[in-house]
Structures are given as structure tokens and as C-alpha cells.
Amino acid sequence: LHISLYISGQRIVTQKPSLLTLSKGETATLHCQKPEDDGYRIHWYKQVPGGAPQFVLYYYRADSSPTYGSGFSSSRFTSRAQSNTDYQLVISSVEVDDSAVYYCKKWFSSPSEMVSQ
């Protein structure tokens, strides 16, 4: 059995920091840098070891507020644009269960829930 995957038109984002260590109750700020202000929304995902990525939220600076995935809300998770190209995921009052790998991507539309199914 041979499976071929082809990905075209990659759009690259840069994330920082690569590792963030916090104490319980502190605020985490993760950055996602786009190379240009292109109108694409920034989507954030959370993935714990052995689990599928979970859609956290997406946001664009022209949006009034982020759009959230199941199980995530504005009480602790939010997003903001530090500039036209630098987007942040902010997690307030971090908990042990927030420990995970967080990914961002840029995407014009909003089919992000499909990733968690």
C-alpha cells in the first residue's frame, strides 16, 4: 500500500517562544507571526501527547472577538493582534491541564473544527 500526500501553496507562520514554562495561575502569551498582513485569520490548536489537535479559536484583527472551539471560552483564552502581522494567544490563570503543544496556522475561512473530529 502506497499513500502519497501532496501539499501545495504552503503559507508559512512563525511561532515563539518554542518553550514557555509558567507557574499555576500565571498568564501565558504565545506569538504567531505572519510574513504579511494578508487578511488571513490566525487559528490556534492545542495538542496533548497521544491526542488529536483541538481547535481553540481563530481571530483576525478586524473581528470584534475570537471565535472559539468546543471547550474553550473567553474566560481564560483570548487572542489579540499586537501588530498587523503578530498575533497572540493569551491564556490567563494557567492550569496543569493547559500543558500541551500549541500550533497556529493562517487560513482565510473557518473549517477548523474538522481537525478535532
PDB file of N, CA and C in Angstrom:
ATOM      1  N   LEU A   1       0.852  -1.194   0.000  1.00  0.00           N
ATOM      2  CA  LEU A   1       0.000   0.000   0.000  1.00  0.00           C
ATOM      3  C   LEU A   1       0.884   1.239   0.000  1.00  0.00           C
ATOM      4  N   HIS A   2       0.640   2.117  -0.941  1.00  0.00           N
ATOM      5  CA  HIS A   2       1.395   3.366  -1.023  1.00  0.00           C
ATOM      6  C   HIS A   2       0.434   4.537  -0.910  1.00  0.00           C
ATOM      7  N   ILE A   3       0.771   5.460  -0.064  1.00  0.00           N
ATOM      8  CA  ILE A   3      -0.051   6.658   0.115  1.00  0.00           C
ATOM      9  C   ILE A   3       0.807   7.870  -0.197  1.00  0.00           C
ATOM     10  N   SER A   4       0.325   8.685  -1.092  1.00  0.00           N
ATOM     11  CA  SER A   4       1.050   9.906  -1.444  1.00  0.00           C
ATOM     12  C   SER A   4       0.264  11.113  -0.979  1.00  0.00           C
ATOM     13  N   LEU A   5       0.950  12.023  -0.358  1.00  0.00           N
ATOM     14  CA  LEU A   5       0.335  13.269   0.084  1.00  0.00           C
ATOM     15  C   LEU A   5       1.014  14.416  -0.637  1.00  0.00           C
ATOM     16  N   TYR A   6       0.211  15.340  -1.130  1.00  0.00           N
ATOM     17  CA  TYR A   6       0.762  16.489  -1.841  1.00  0.00           C
ATOM     18  C   TYR A   6       0.207  17.756  -1.224  1.00  0.00           C
ATOM     19  N   ILE A   7       1.082  18.615  -0.831  1.00  0.00           N
ATOM     20  CA  ILE A   7       0.672  19.882  -0.238  1.00  0.00           C
ATOM     21  C   ILE A   7       1.197  21.001  -1.118  1.00  0.00           C
ATOM     22  N   SER A   8       0.296  21.838  -1.571  1.00  0.00           N
ATOM     23  CA  SER A   8       0.731  22.950  -2.410  1.00  0.00           C
ATOM     24  C   SER A   8       0.322  24.266  -1.772  1.00  0.00           C
ATOM     25  N   GLY A   9       1.011  25.304  -2.147  1.00  0.00           N
ATOM     26  CA  GLY A   9       0.641  26.642  -1.685  1.00  0.00           C
ATOM     27  C   GLY A   9       0.804  26.837  -0.194  1.00  0.00           C
ATOM     28  N   GLN A  10       1.849  26.287   0.383  1.00  0.00           N
ATOM     29  CA  GLN A  10       2.077  26.469   1.817  1.00  0.00           C
ATOM     30  C   GLN A  10       2.222  27.942   2.177  1.00  0.00           C
ATOM     31  N   ARG A  11       1.592  28.309   3.251  1.00  0.00           N
ATOM     32  CA  ARG A  11       1.740  29.661   3.780  1.00  0.00           C
ATOM     33  C   ARG A  11       2.398  29.533   5.144  1.00  0.00           C
ATOM     34  N   ILE A  12       3.497  30.197   5.325  1.00  0.00           N
ATOM     35  CA  ILE A  12       4.334  29.953   6.495  1.00  0.00           C
ATOM     36  C   ILE A  12       4.071  30.976   7.592  1.00  0.00           C
ATOM     37  N   VAL A  13       3.978  30.482   8.828  1.00  0.00           N
ATOM     38  CA  VAL A  13       3.906  31.340  10.005  1.00  0.00           C
ATOM     39  C   VAL A  13       5.054  30.950  10.934  1.00  0.00           C
ATOM     40  N   THR A  14       5.417  31.853  11.808  1.00  0.00           N
ATOM     41  CA  THR A  14       6.490  31.611  12.768  1.00  0.00           C
ATOM     42  C   THR A  14       5.935  31.743  14.177  1.00  0.00           C
ATOM     43  N   GLN A  15       6.214  30.735  15.007  1.00  0.00           N
ATOM     44  CA  GLN A  15       5.726  30.761  16.386  1.00  0.00           C
ATOM     45  C   GLN A  15       6.869  31.005  17.365  1.00  0.00           C
ATOM     46  N   LYS A  16       6.556  31.697  18.436  1.00  0.00           N
ATOM     47  CA  LYS A  16       7.507  31.882  19.527  1.00  0.00           C
ATOM     48  C   LYS A  16       6.727  32.112  20.825  1.00  0.00           C
ATOM     49  N   PRO A  17       7.306  31.795  21.981  1.00  0.00           N
ATOM     50  CA  PRO A  17       8.583  31.101  22.140  1.00  0.00           C
ATOM     51  C   PRO A  17       8.427  29.620  21.817  1.00  0.00           C
ATOM     52  N   SER A  18       9.542  28.908  21.696  1.00  0.00           N
ATOM     53  CA  SER A  18       9.460  27.476  21.431  1.00  0.00           C
ATOM     54  C   SER A  18       9.086  26.703  22.692  1.00  0.00           C
ATOM     55  N   LEU A  19       9.390  27.257  23.845  1.00  0.00           N
ATOM     56  CA  LEU A  19       9.030  26.641  25.128  1.00  0.00           C
ATOM     57  C   LEU A  19       8.704  27.741  26.122  1.00  0.00           C
ATOM     58  N   LEU A  20       7.617  27.552  26.830  1.00  0.00           N
ATOM     59  CA  LEU A  20       7.201  28.522  27.844  1.00  0.00           C
ATOM     60  C   LEU A  20       6.904  27.759  29.127  1.00  0.00           C
ATOM     61  N   THR A  21       7.584  28.113  30.197  1.00  0.00           N
ATOM     62  CA  THR A  21       7.387  27.462  31.495  1.00  0.00           C
ATOM     63  C   THR A  21       6.815  28.476  32.472  1.00  0.00           C
ATOM     64  N   LEU A  22       5.675  28.133  33.049  1.00  0.00           N
ATOM     65  CA  LEU A  22       4.976  29.052  33.943  1.00  0.00           C
ATOM     66  C   LEU A  22       4.569  28.347  35.220  1.00  0.00           C
ATOM     67  N   SER A  23       4.222  29.132  36.210  1.00  0.00           N
ATOM     68  CA  SER A  23       3.620  28.602  37.431  1.00  0.00           C
ATOM     69  C   SER A  23       2.108  28.696  37.316  1.00  0.00           C
ATOM     70  N   LYS A  24       1.430  27.838  38.052  1.00  0.00           N
ATOM     71  CA  LYS A  24      -0.025  27.843  38.047  1.00  0.00           C
ATOM     72  C   LYS A  24      -0.550  29.235  38.403  1.00  0.00           C
ATOM     73  N   GLY A  25      -1.534  29.693  37.633  1.00  0.00           N
ATOM     74  CA  GLY A  25      -2.139  30.988  37.896  1.00  0.00           C
ATOM     75  C   GLY A  25      -1.554  32.133  37.097  1.00  0.00           C
ATOM     76  N   GLU A  26      -0.404  31.903  36.455  1.00  0.00           N
ATOM     77  CA  GLU A  26       0.211  32.953  35.644  1.00  0.00           C
ATOM     78  C   GLU A  26      -0.459  33.046  34.272  1.00  0.00           C
ATOM     79  N   THR A  27      -0.018  34.010  33.478  1.00  0.00           N
ATOM     80  CA  THR A  27      -0.585  34.230  32.148  1.00  0.00           C
ATOM     81  C   THR A  27       0.419  33.829  31.078  1.00  0.00           C
ATOM     82  N   ALA A  28      -0.032  33.023  30.123  1.00  0.00           N
ATOM     83  CA  ALA A  28       0.808  32.589  29.002  1.00  0.00           C
ATOM     84  C   ALA A  28       0.484  33.438  27.779  1.00  0.00           C
ATOM     85  N   THR A  29       1.525  33.894  27.097  1.00  0.00           N
ATOM     86  CA  THR A  29       1.347  34.638  25.852  1.00  0.00           C
ATOM     87  C   THR A  29       2.178  33.970  24.765  1.00  0.00           C
ATOM     88  N   LEU A  30       1.491  33.440  23.756  1.00  0.00           N
ATOM     89  CA  LEU A  30       2.141  32.766  22.637  1.00  0.00           C
ATOM     90  C   LEU A  30       1.980  33.630  21.392  1.00  0.00           C
ATOM     91  N   HIS A  31       3.036  33.713  20.595  1.00  0.00           N
ATOM     92  CA  HIS A  31       3.030  34.572  19.412  1.00  0.00           C
ATOM     93  C   HIS A  31       2.984  33.742  18.131  1.00  0.00           C
ATOM     94  N   CYS A  32       2.273  34.263  17.149  1.00  0.00           N
ATOM     95  CA  CYS A  32       2.220  33.679  15.813  1.00  0.00           C
ATOM     96  C   CYS A  32       2.426  34.823  14.819  1.00  0.00           C
ATOM     97  N   GLN A  33       3.521  34.746  14.100  1.00  0.00           N
ATOM     98  CA  GLN A  33       3.906  35.841  13.200  1.00  0.00           C
ATOM     99  C   GLN A  33       3.617  35.458  11.748  1.00  0.00           C
ATOM    100  N   LYS A  34       2.824  36.306  11.074  1.00  0.00           N
ATOM    101  CA  LYS A  34       2.593  36.146   9.640  1.00  0.00           C
ATOM    102  C   LYS A  34       3.620  36.999   8.893  1.00  0.00           C
ATOM    103  N   PRO A  35       4.040  36.559   7.698  1.00  0.00           N
ATOM    104  CA  PRO A  35       5.017  37.362   6.964  1.00  0.00           C
ATOM    105  C   PRO A  35       4.444  38.663   6.413  1.00  0.00           C
ATOM    106  N   GLU A  36       3.112  38.730   6.284  1.00  0.00           N
ATOM    107  CA  GLU A  36       2.487  39.938   5.749  1.00  0.00           C
ATOM    108  C   GLU A  36       1.052  40.040   6.241  1.00  0.00           C
ATOM    109  N   ASP A  37       0.497  41.222   6.158  1.00  0.00           N
ATOM    110  CA  ASP A  37      -0.904  41.430   6.526  1.00  0.00           C
ATOM    111  C   ASP A  37      -1.759  41.071   5.318  1.00  0.00           C
ATOM    112  N   ASP A  38      -2.220  39.829   5.296  1.00  0.00           N
ATOM    113  CA  ASP A  38      -2.864  39.289   4.102  1.00  0.00           C
ATOM    114  C   ASP A  38      -4.357  39.032   4.270  1.00  0.00           C
ATOM    115  N   GLY A  39      -4.926  39.389   5.408  1.00  0.00           N
ATOM    116  CA  GLY A  39      -6.347  39.173   5.629  1.00  0.00           C
ATOM    117  C   GLY A  39      -6.711  37.789   6.129  1.00  0.00           C
ATOM    118  N   TYR A  40      -5.717  36.919   6.301  1.00  0.00           N
ATOM    119  CA  TYR A  40      -5.998  35.567   6.779  1.00  0.00           C
ATOM    120  C   TYR A  40      -6.165  35.559   8.294  1.00  0.00           C
ATOM    121  N   ARG A  41      -7.134  34.781   8.753  1.00  0.00           N
ATOM    122  CA  ARG A  41      -7.318  34.612  10.193  1.00  0.00           C
ATOM    123  C   ARG A  41      -6.224  33.704  10.747  1.00  0.00           C
ATOM    124  N   ILE A  42      -5.920  33.901  12.018  1.00  0.00           N
ATOM    125  CA  ILE A  42      -4.993  33.008  12.712  1.00  0.00           C
ATOM    126  C   ILE A  42      -5.813  32.031  13.549  1.00  0.00           C
ATOM    127  N   HIS A  43      -5.562  30.747  13.329  1.00  0.00           N
ATOM    128  CA  HIS A  43      -6.243  29.669  14.046  1.00  0.00           C
ATOM    129  C   HIS A  43      -5.257  29.037  15.019  1.00  0.00           C
ATOM    130  N   TRP A  44      -5.722  28.753  16.210  1.00  0.00           N
ATOM    131  CA  TRP A  44      -4.876  28.133  17.237  1.00  0.00           C
ATOM    132  C   TRP A  44      -5.423  26.753  17.607  1.00  0.00           C
ATOM    133  N   TYR A  45      -4.498  25.813  17.811  1.00  0.00           N
ATOM    134  CA  TYR A  45      -4.839  24.452  18.206  1.00  0.00           C
ATOM    135  C   TYR A  45      -4.010  24.047  19.416  1.00  0.00           C
ATOM    136  N   LYS A  46      -4.589  23.169  20.201  1.00  0.00           N
ATOM    137  CA  LYS A  46      -3.912  22.599  21.366  1.00  0.00           C
ATOM    138  C   LYS A  46      -3.813  21.094  21.156  1.00  0.00           C
ATOM    139  N   GLN A  47      -2.628  20.528  21.374  1.00  0.00           N
ATOM    140  CA  GLN A  47      -2.465  19.083  21.241  1.00  0.00           C
ATOM    141  C   GLN A  47      -1.700  18.523  22.431  1.00  0.00           C
ATOM    142  N   VAL A  48      -2.321  17.571  23.114  1.00  0.00           N
ATOM    143  CA  VAL A  48      -1.655  16.877  24.217  1.00  0.00           C
ATOM    144  C   VAL A  48      -1.063  15.584  23.667  1.00  0.00           C
ATOM    145  N   PRO A  49      -0.015  15.055  24.298  1.00  0.00           N
ATOM    146  CA  PRO A  49       0.618  13.836  23.789  1.00  0.00           C
ATOM    147  C   PRO A  49      -0.387  12.701  23.599  1.00  0.00           C
ATOM    148  N   GLY A  50      -0.358  12.088  22.430  1.00  0.00           N
ATOM    149  CA  GLY A  50      -1.248  10.981  22.125  1.00  0.00           C
ATOM    150  C   GLY A  50      -2.647  11.387  21.714  1.00  0.00           C
ATOM    151  N   GLY A  51      -2.926  12.677  21.698  1.00  0.00           N
ATOM    152  CA  GLY A  51      -4.266  13.148  21.357  1.00  0.00           C
ATOM    153  C   GLY A  51      -4.304  13.871  20.023  1.00  0.00           C
ATOM    154  N   ALA A  52      -5.500  14.072  19.526  1.00  0.00           N
ATOM    155  CA  ALA A  52      -5.686  14.826  18.287  1.00  0.00           C
ATOM    156  C   ALA A  52      -5.631  16.320  18.591  1.00  0.00           C
ATOM    157  N   PRO A  53      -5.261  17.135  17.618  1.00  0.00           N
ATOM    158  CA  PRO A  53      -5.305  18.584  17.842  1.00  0.00           C
ATOM    159  C   PRO A  53      -6.732  19.045  18.134  1.00  0.00           C
ATOM    160  N   GLN A  54      -6.869  19.944  19.075  1.00  0.00           N
ATOM    161  CA  GLN A  54      -8.166  20.539  19.410  1.00  0.00           C
ATOM    162  C   GLN A  54      -8.174  21.989  18.944  1.00  0.00           C
ATOM    163  N   PHE A  55      -9.229  22.364  18.264  1.00  0.00           N
ATOM    164  CA  PHE A  55      -9.359  23.744  17.813  1.00  0.00           C
ATOM    165  C   PHE A  55      -9.666  24.634  19.012  1.00  0.00           C
ATOM    166  N   VAL A  56      -8.821  25.622  19.262  1.00  0.00           N
ATOM    167  CA  VAL A  56      -9.002  26.539  20.387  1.00  0.00           C
ATOM    168  C   VAL A  56      -9.818  27.750  19.959  1.00  0.00           C
ATOM    169  N   LEU A  57      -9.316  28.466  18.960  1.00  0.00           N
ATOM    170  CA  LEU A  57     -10.007  29.674  18.491  1.00  0.00           C
ATOM    171  C   LEU A  57      -9.390  30.150  17.185  1.00  0.00           C
ATOM    172  N   TYR A  58     -10.118  31.038  16.509  1.00  0.00           N
ATOM    173  CA  TYR A  58      -9.495  31.784  15.418  1.00  0.00           C
ATOM    174  C   TYR A  58      -9.817  33.257  15.578  1.00  0.00           C
ATOM    175  N   TYR A  59      -8.953  34.083  14.984  1.00  0.00           N
ATOM    176  CA  TYR A  59      -9.101  35.534  15.162  1.00  0.00           C
ATOM    177  C   TYR A  59      -8.402  36.282  14.037  1.00  0.00           C
ATOM    178  N   TYR A  60      -9.005  37.394  13.654  1.00  0.00           N
ATOM    179  CA  TYR A  60      -8.376  38.354  12.757  1.00  0.00           C
ATOM    180  C   TYR A  60      -8.598  39.728  13.362  1.00  0.00           C
ATOM    181  N   ARG A  61      -7.674  40.614  13.165  1.00  0.00           N
ATOM    182  CA  ARG A  61      -7.712  41.907  13.854  1.00  0.00           C
ATOM    183  C   ARG A  61      -8.971  42.719  13.560  1.00  0.00           C
ATOM    184  N   ALA A  62      -9.636  42.448  12.433  1.00  0.00           N
ATOM    185  CA  ALA A  62     -10.875  43.162  12.119  1.00  0.00           C
ATOM    186  C   ALA A  62     -12.092  42.533  12.801  1.00  0.00           C
ATOM    187  N   ASP A  63     -11.921  41.337  13.377  1.00  0.00           N
ATOM    188  CA  ASP A  63     -13.025  40.678  14.084  1.00  0.00           C
ATOM    189  C   ASP A  63     -13.264  41.370  15.420  1.00  0.00           C
ATOM    190  N   SER A  64     -14.512  41.398  15.846  1.00  0.00           N
ATOM    191  CA  SER A  64     -14.816  42.022  17.136  1.00  0.00           C
ATOM    192  C   SER A  64     -14.300  41.179  18.299  1.00  0.00           C
ATOM    193  N   SER A  65     -14.284  39.868  18.115  1.00  0.00           N
ATOM    194  CA  SER A  65     -13.781  38.968  19.153  1.00  0.00           C
ATOM    195  C   SER A  65     -13.423  37.635  18.506  1.00  0.00           C
ATOM    196  N   PRO A  66     -12.653  36.791  19.206  1.00  0.00           N
ATOM    197  CA  PRO A  66     -12.314  35.480  18.650  1.00  0.00           C
ATOM    198  C   PRO A  66     -13.538  34.578  18.532  1.00  0.00           C
ATOM    199  N   THR A  67     -13.438  33.578  17.681  1.00  0.00           N
ATOM    200  CA  THR A  67     -14.432  32.512  17.584  1.00  0.00           C
ATOM    201  C   THR A  67     -13.821  31.271  18.214  1.00  0.00           C
ATOM    202  N   TYR A  68     -14.538  30.654  19.151  1.00  0.00           N
ATOM    203  CA  TYR A  68     -13.974  29.590  19.981  1.00  0.00           C
ATOM    204  C   TYR A  68     -14.422  28.203  19.556  1.00  0.00           C
ATOM    205  N   GLY A  69     -13.542  27.231  19.823  1.00  0.00           N
ATOM    206  CA  GLY A  69     -13.886  25.838  19.654  1.00  0.00           C
ATOM    207  C   GLY A  69     -14.552  25.295  20.903  1.00  0.00           C
ATOM    208  N   SER A  70     -15.072  24.089  20.795  1.00  0.00           N
ATOM    209  CA  SER A  70     -15.762  23.454  21.916  1.00  0.00           C
ATOM    210  C   SER A  70     -14.819  23.290  23.109  1.00  0.00           C
ATOM    211  N   GLY A  71     -15.280  23.703  24.275  1.00  0.00           N
ATOM    212  CA  GLY A  71     -14.496  23.550  25.492  1.00  0.00           C
ATOM    213  C   GLY A  71     -13.558  24.700  25.792  1.00  0.00           C
ATOM    214  N   PHE A  72     -13.520  25.678  24.921  1.00  0.00           N
ATOM    215  CA  PHE A  72     -12.667  26.852  25.143  1.00  0.00           C
ATOM    216  C   PHE A  72     -13.542  28.097  25.152  1.00  0.00           C
ATOM    217  N   SER A  73     -13.232  29.019  26.053  1.00  0.00           N
ATOM    218  CA  SER A  73     -14.069  30.216  26.163  1.00  0.00           C
ATOM    219  C   SER A  73     -13.230  31.435  26.505  1.00  0.00           C
ATOM    220  N   SER A  74     -13.875  32.585  26.424  1.00  0.00           N
ATOM    221  CA  SER A  74     -13.192  33.854  26.668  1.00  0.00           C
ATOM    222  C   SER A  74     -12.835  34.068  28.135  1.00  0.00           C
ATOM    223  N   SER A  75     -13.311  33.188  29.013  1.00  0.00           N
ATOM    224  CA  SER A  75     -12.985  33.360  30.429  1.00  0.00           C
ATOM    225  C   SER A  75     -11.483  33.210  30.680  1.00  0.00           C
ATOM    226  N   ARG A  76     -10.806  32.368  29.884  1.00  0.00           N
ATOM    227  CA  ARG A  76      -9.356  32.190  30.066  1.00  0.00           C
ATOM    228  C   ARG A  76      -8.553  32.291  28.771  1.00  0.00           C
ATOM    229  N   PHE A  77      -9.195  32.082  27.646  1.00  0.00           N
ATOM    230  CA  PHE A  77      -8.482  32.093  26.365  1.00  0.00           C
ATOM    231  C   PHE A  77      -8.909  33.299  25.538  1.00  0.00           C
ATOM    232  N   THR A  78      -7.939  34.006  25.010  1.00  0.00           N
ATOM    233  CA  THR A  78      -8.278  35.099  24.102  1.00  0.00           C
ATOM    234  C   THR A  78      -7.159  35.263  23.088  1.00  0.00           C
ATOM    235  N   SER A  79      -7.410  36.096  22.110  1.00  0.00           N
ATOM    236  CA  SER A  79      -6.400  36.383  21.102  1.00  0.00           C
ATOM    237  C   SER A  79      -6.423  37.865  20.798  1.00  0.00           C
ATOM    238  N   ARG A  80      -5.277  38.379  20.417  1.00  0.00           N
ATOM    239  CA  ARG A  80      -5.195  39.784  20.044  1.00  0.00           C
ATOM    240  C   ARG A  80      -4.094  39.950  19.005  1.00  0.00           C
ATOM    241  N   ALA A  81      -4.183  41.055  18.292  1.00  0.00           N
ATOM    242  CA  ALA A  81      -3.170  41.383  17.297  1.00  0.00           C
ATOM    243  C   ALA A  81      -2.249  42.441  17.880  1.00  0.00           C
ATOM    244  N   GLN A  82      -1.012  42.067  18.121  1.00  0.00           N
ATOM    245  CA  GLN A  82      -0.022  43.011  18.631  1.00  0.00           C
ATOM    246  C   GLN A  82       0.368  43.999  17.529  1.00  0.00           C
ATOM    247  N   SER A  83       0.288  43.518  16.290  1.00  0.00           N
ATOM    248  CA  SER A  83       0.515  44.353  15.114  1.00  0.00           C
ATOM    249  C   SER A  83      -0.286  43.725  13.977  1.00  0.00           C
ATOM    250  N   ASN A  84      -0.119  44.226  12.763  1.00  0.00           N
ATOM    251  CA  ASN A  84      -0.843  43.653  11.627  1.00  0.00           C
ATOM    252  C   ASN A  84      -0.414  42.224  11.311  1.00  0.00           C
ATOM    253  N   THR A  85       0.749  41.842  11.791  1.00  0.00           N
ATOM    254  CA  THR A  85       1.280  40.519  11.469  1.00  0.00           C
ATOM    255  C   THR A  85       1.587  39.653  12.687  1.00  0.00           C
ATOM    256  N   ASP A  86       1.578  40.220  13.877  1.00  0.00           N
ATOM    257  CA  ASP A  86       1.914  39.483  15.103  1.00  0.00           C
ATOM    258  C   ASP A  86       0.652  39.242  15.923  1.00  0.00           C
ATOM    259  N   TYR A  87       0.225  37.972  15.951  1.00  0.00           N
ATOM    260  CA  TYR A  87      -0.981  37.593  16.688  1.00  0.00           C
ATOM    261  C   TYR A  87      -0.594  36.814  17.933  1.00  0.00           C
ATOM    262  N   GLN A  88      -1.391  36.975  18.976  1.00  0.00           N
ATOM    263  CA  GLN A  88      -1.091  36.328  20.247  1.00  0.00           C
ATOM    264  C   GLN A  88      -2.258  35.459  20.705  1.00  0.00           C
ATOM    265  N   LEU A  89      -1.915  34.321  21.280  1.00  0.00           N
ATOM    266  CA  LEU A  89      -2.867  33.535  22.055  1.00  0.00           C
ATOM    267  C   LEU A  89      -2.517  33.789  23.506  1.00  0.00           C
ATOM    268  N   VAL A  90      -3.481  34.260  24.273  1.00  0.00           N
ATOM    269  CA  VAL A  90      -3.255  34.578  25.682  1.00  0.00           C
ATOM    270  C   VAL A  90      -4.107  33.642  26.531  1.00  0.00           C
ATOM    271  N   ILE A  91      -3.452  32.917  27.420  1.00  0.00           N
ATOM    272  CA  ILE A  91      -4.140  32.006  28.338  1.00  0.00           C
ATOM    273  C   ILE A  91      -3.926  32.544  29.743  1.00  0.00           C
ATOM    274  N   SER A  92      -4.991  32.962  30.377  1.00  0.00           N
ATOM    275  CA  SER A  92      -4.871  33.520  31.722  1.00  0.00           C
ATOM    276  C   SER A  92      -5.097  32.439  32.767  1.00  0.00           C
ATOM    277  N   SER A  93      -4.530  32.654  33.937  1.00  0.00           N
ATOM    278  CA  SER A  93      -4.675  31.714  35.060  1.00  0.00           C
ATOM    279  C   SER A  93      -4.390  30.278  34.619  1.00  0.00           C
ATOM    280  N   VAL A  94      -3.188  30.060  34.115  1.00  0.00           N
ATOM    281  CA  VAL A  94      -2.870  28.747  33.555  1.00  0.00           C
ATOM    282  C   VAL A  94      -3.028  27.642  34.592  1.00  0.00           C
ATOM    283  N   GLU A  95      -3.448  26.483  34.090  1.00  0.00           N
ATOM    284  CA  GLU A  95      -3.653  25.292  34.902  1.00  0.00           C
ATOM    285  C   GLU A  95      -2.770  24.178  34.362  1.00  0.00           C
ATOM    286  N   VAL A  96      -2.615  23.124  35.145  1.00  0.00           N
ATOM    287  CA  VAL A  96      -1.806  21.987  34.716  1.00  0.00           C
ATOM    288  C   VAL A  96      -2.338  21.417  33.406  1.00  0.00           C
ATOM    289  N   ASP A  97      -3.646  21.381  33.246  1.00  0.00           N
ATOM    290  CA  ASP A  97      -4.254  20.826  32.037  1.00  0.00           C
ATOM    291  C   ASP A  97      -3.985  21.662  30.787  1.00  0.00           C
ATOM    292  N   ASP A  98      -3.438  22.845  30.954  1.00  0.00           N
ATOM    293  CA  ASP A  98      -3.085  23.674  29.793  1.00  0.00           C
ATOM    294  C   ASP A  98      -1.758  23.246  29.173  1.00  0.00           C
ATOM    295  N   SER A  99      -1.028  22.373  29.853  1.00  0.00           N
ATOM    296  CA  SER A  99       0.252  21.887  29.323  1.00  0.00           C
ATOM    297  C   SER A  99       0.007  21.113  28.033  1.00  0.00           C
ATOM    298  N   ALA A 100       0.609  21.567  26.949  1.00  0.00           N
ATOM    299  CA  ALA A 100       0.368  20.974  25.637  1.00  0.00           C
ATOM    300  C   ALA A 100       1.268  21.649  24.621  1.00  0.00           C
ATOM    301  N   VAL A 101       1.217  21.151  23.398  1.00  0.00           N
ATOM    302  CA  VAL A 101       1.833  21.843  22.269  1.00  0.00           C
ATOM    303  C   VAL A 101       0.738  22.668  21.601  1.00  0.00           C
ATOM    304  N   TYR A 102       1.007  23.933  21.383  1.00  0.00           N
ATOM    305  CA  TYR A 102       0.048  24.827  20.737  1.00  0.00           C
ATOM    306  C   TYR A 102       0.561  25.187  19.347  1.00  0.00           C
ATOM    307  N   TYR A 103      -0.324  25.024  18.372  1.00  0.00           N
ATOM    308  CA  TYR A 103       0.016  25.321  16.989  1.00  0.00           C
ATOM    309  C   TYR A 103      -0.842  26.468  16.478  1.00  0.00           C
ATOM    310  N   CYS A 104      -0.270  27.263  15.600  1.00  0.00           N
ATOM    311  CA  CYS A 104      -1.090  28.246  14.900  1.00  0.00           C
ATOM    312  C   CYS A 104      -0.992  28.008  13.402  1.00  0.00           C
ATOM    313  N   LYS A 105      -2.007  28.451  12.695  1.00  0.00           N
ATOM    314  CA  LYS A 105      -1.980  28.426  11.235  1.00  0.00           C
ATOM    315  C   LYS A 105      -2.738  29.648  10.758  1.00  0.00           C
ATOM    316  N   LYS A 106      -2.541  30.020   9.520  1.00  0.00           N
ATOM    317  CA  LYS A 106      -3.365  31.086   8.962  1.00  0.00           C
ATOM    318  C   LYS A 106      -4.245  30.486   7.884  1.00  0.00           C
ATOM    319  N   TRP A 107      -5.493  30.937   7.883  1.00  0.00           N
ATOM    320  CA  TRP A 107      -6.493  30.357   6.985  1.00  0.00           C
ATOM    321  C   TRP A 107      -7.564  31.400   6.760  1.00  0.00           C
ATOM    322  N   PHE A 108      -8.037  31.496   5.525  1.00  0.00           N
ATOM    323  CA  PHE A 108      -8.993  32.556   5.210  1.00  0.00           C
ATOM    324  C   PHE A 108     -10.386  32.264   5.753  1.00  0.00           C
ATOM    325  N   SER A 109     -10.763  30.991   5.719  1.00  0.00           N
ATOM    326  CA  SER A 109     -12.110  30.605   6.132  1.00  0.00           C
ATOM    327  C   SER A 109     -12.072  30.023   7.533  1.00  0.00           C
ATOM    328  N   SER A 110     -13.090  29.236   7.879  1.00  0.00           N
ATOM    329  CA  SER A 110     -13.161  28.734   9.253  1.00  0.00           C
ATOM    330  C   SER A 110     -13.614  27.277   9.350  1.00  0.00           C
ATOM    331  N   PRO A 111     -12.920  26.349   8.695  1.00  0.00           N
ATOM    332  CA  PRO A 111     -13.295  24.941   8.827  1.00  0.00           C
ATOM    333  C   PRO A 111     -12.521  24.231   9.925  1.00  0.00           C
ATOM    334  N   SER A 112     -12.060  24.962  10.914  1.00  0.00           N
ATOM    335  CA  SER A 112     -11.098  24.419  11.868  1.00  0.00           C
ATOM    336  C   SER A 112     -11.620  23.268  12.715  1.00  0.00           C
ATOM    337  N   GLU A 113     -12.926  23.207  12.953  1.00  0.00           N
ATOM    338  CA  GLU A 113     -13.456  22.145  13.798  1.00  0.00           C
ATOM    339  C   GLU A 113     -13.198  20.769  13.190  1.00  0.00           C
ATOM    340  N   MET A 114     -13.010  20.686  11.881  1.00  0.00           N
ATOM    341  CA  MET A 114     -12.799  19.398  11.237  1.00  0.00           C
ATOM    342  C   MET A 114     -11.570  18.689  11.773  1.00  0.00           C
ATOM    343  N   VAL A 115     -10.582  19.434  12.224  1.00  0.00           N
ATOM    344  CA  VAL A 115      -9.335  18.833  12.694  1.00  0.00           C
ATOM    345  C   VAL A 115      -9.556  17.995  13.935  1.00  0.00           C
ATOM    346  N   SER A 116     -10.521  18.352  14.761  1.00  0.00           N
ATOM    347  CA  SER A 116     -10.715  17.661  16.036  1.00  0.00           C
ATOM    348  C   SER A 116     -11.652  16.462  15.927  1.00  0.00           C
ATOM    349  N   GLN A 117     -12.153  16.166  14.752  1.00  0.00           N
ATOM    350  CA  GLN A 117     -13.110  15.067  14.605  1.00  0.00           C
ATOM    351  C   GLN A 117     -12.428  13.767  14.205  1.00  0.00           C
TER     352      GLN A 117
END
